[in-house]
Each structure stands twice: as C-alpha cells, then as structure tokens.
C-alpha cells in the first residue's frame, strides 16, 4: 500500500485560447477528483508566468487545489487535468508527507 500525501495542483482558469472555463466545467473536474481522493480544498486564484519549450512567456490565472492522496492518485488527477482542460502541461507538487487526518470517534 502506498502512503497518502498532501499535494497541490494548479488548475487553469482560462483555456489556451483565453476563454474563461465555466463553473460547470470546473465542477465536473472537482467531482472527478473528490470521487478519486475523497475531498479537495480549492484556494484563491494565483497568477503564474513560465517559459514554454520554445522560450515563449506564458501567463495564466490558476486555481491551486489541495488533494490528499497517494502518488498513483495524483498521477490520475494530473492526466485528467491535462485532458479536461486541454493543457500542454500541468504542475502538481507534494506539500507534505507528514499529514494527520483524524476522524471523530
């Protein structure tokens, strides 16, 4: 059994053509991730800038989303994000492997 970790993944707010994704589009992704991981935490938007392989500056507004899952789960979420949002690349990173999830007794 692989251990769960807390991950953050950056979800785009706009398509590569500049159209804002609808709330329903985001909610479909949210439901997929909730069903896979059991829950999500959506943070306030962030602004990002990066250089693509052609050294072109790209800018985007993103929604940081935190997910508690194993590495296989985050790989599935990354692949779904690339497909669902038609992205060239998606960034996800481990926040912590020292996570306590305690349920009421």
Protein backbone atom coordinates (compact mmCIF):
# COMPACT_ATOMS: atom_id res chain seq x y z
CA UNK A 1 0.00 0.00 0.00
CA UNK A 2 1.38 3.41 -0.91
CA UNK A 3 1.15 6.23 1.58
CA UNK A 4 -1.01 9.27 1.10
CA UNK A 5 0.48 12.73 0.92
CA UNK A 6 -0.88 16.25 0.65
CA UNK A 7 -0.50 17.55 -2.92
CA UNK A 8 -1.27 20.83 -4.62
CA UNK A 9 -2.17 21.00 -8.30
CA UNK A 10 -2.59 24.16 -10.36
CA UNK A 11 -5.83 24.21 -12.36
CA UNK A 12 -6.14 26.78 -15.17
CA UNK A 13 -8.86 29.41 -15.01
CA UNK A 14 -8.71 30.10 -18.77
CA UNK A 15 -8.29 27.98 -21.88
CA UNK A 16 -5.21 28.30 -24.07
CA UNK A 17 -7.38 30.49 -26.33
CA UNK A 18 -8.19 32.87 -23.45
CA UNK A 19 -11.80 31.78 -22.79
CA UNK A 20 -12.72 31.50 -19.12
CA UNK A 21 -13.79 28.00 -18.13
CA UNK A 22 -17.36 27.81 -16.91
CA UNK A 23 -18.24 26.98 -13.33
CA UNK A 24 -19.83 23.75 -14.61
CA UNK A 25 -16.56 22.79 -16.34
CA UNK A 26 -14.66 23.26 -13.07
CA UNK A 27 -17.35 21.41 -11.11
CA UNK A 28 -17.02 18.36 -13.40
CA UNK A 29 -13.29 18.23 -12.61
CA UNK A 30 -13.99 18.82 -8.90
CA UNK A 31 -16.38 15.86 -8.83
CA UNK A 32 -13.85 13.56 -10.51
CA UNK A 33 -11.14 14.50 -8.00
CA UNK A 34 -13.49 14.27 -4.99
CA UNK A 35 -14.58 10.79 -6.08
CA UNK A 36 -10.96 9.69 -6.51
CA UNK A 37 -9.41 11.28 -3.41
CA UNK A 38 -12.38 11.80 -1.10
CA UNK A 39 -12.11 15.60 -0.96
CA UNK A 40 -10.47 18.77 -2.25
CA UNK A 41 -9.54 22.20 -0.94
CA UNK A 42 -9.77 24.99 -3.53
CA UNK A 43 -7.66 28.05 -2.76
CA UNK A 44 -7.86 31.63 -4.08
CA UNK A 45 -6.58 32.23 -7.59
CA UNK A 46 -2.90 32.66 -8.28
CA UNK A 47 -1.08 34.28 -11.21
CA UNK A 48 1.66 32.35 -12.93
CA UNK A 49 4.29 33.02 -15.57
CA UNK A 50 6.54 30.44 -17.21
CA UNK A 51 8.54 29.82 -20.35
CA UNK A 52 7.40 27.04 -22.66
CA UNK A 53 9.92 24.82 -24.52
CA UNK A 54 10.03 27.46 -27.32
CA UNK A 55 11.08 30.08 -24.72
CA UNK A 56 7.74 31.89 -25.14
CA UNK A 57 6.44 33.64 -22.00
CA UNK A 58 3.04 32.31 -20.95
CA UNK A 59 0.83 33.84 -18.26
CA UNK A 60 -2.25 32.40 -16.66
CA UNK A 61 -4.52 32.65 -13.67
CA UNK A 62 -4.73 29.35 -11.85
CA UNK A 63 -6.68 27.82 -9.02
CA UNK A 64 -4.45 25.99 -6.54
CA UNK A 65 -6.24 22.85 -5.35
CA UNK A 66 -5.05 20.67 -2.48
CA UNK A 67 -5.66 16.94 -2.51
CA UNK A 68 -4.80 14.19 -0.03
CA UNK A 69 -3.98 11.05 -2.00
CA UNK A 70 -1.22 8.63 -2.95
CA UNK A 71 1.17 9.14 -5.86
CA UNK A 72 -0.90 6.97 -8.21
CA UNK A 73 -3.93 9.14 -7.41
CA UNK A 74 -2.14 12.42 -8.17
CA UNK A 75 -0.89 10.93 -11.45
CA UNK A 76 -4.50 10.15 -12.39
CA UNK A 77 -5.55 13.69 -11.41
CA UNK A 78 -2.73 15.22 -13.47
CA UNK A 79 -3.74 13.19 -16.53
CA UNK A 80 -7.41 14.11 -16.07
CA UNK A 81 -6.45 17.79 -15.71
CA UNK A 82 -4.40 17.74 -18.93
CA UNK A 83 -7.30 16.11 -20.78
CA UNK A 84 -10.18 18.08 -19.20
CA UNK A 85 -8.53 21.48 -19.57
CA UNK A 86 -6.64 20.65 -22.80
CA UNK A 87 -3.30 21.74 -21.33
CA UNK A 88 0.23 21.28 -22.64
CA UNK A 89 1.50 20.67 -19.10
CA UNK A 90 0.17 20.62 -15.54
CA UNK A 91 2.14 21.29 -12.37
CA UNK A 92 1.49 19.38 -9.16
CA UNK A 93 3.76 19.13 -6.16
CA UNK A 94 3.88 17.44 -2.80
CA UNK A 95 3.21 19.78 0.09
CA UNK A 96 3.77 17.30 2.89
CA UNK A 97 4.03 13.62 3.70
CA UNK A 98 3.52 14.45 7.38
CA UNK A 99 -0.27 14.77 7.37
CA UNK A 100 -2.69 13.86 10.14
CA UNK A 101 -6.28 13.10 9.28
CA UNK A 102 -8.19 12.28 12.44
CA UNK A 103 -11.85 11.28 12.44
CA UNK A 104 -14.19 11.86 15.36
CA UNK A 105 -14.56 8.73 17.49
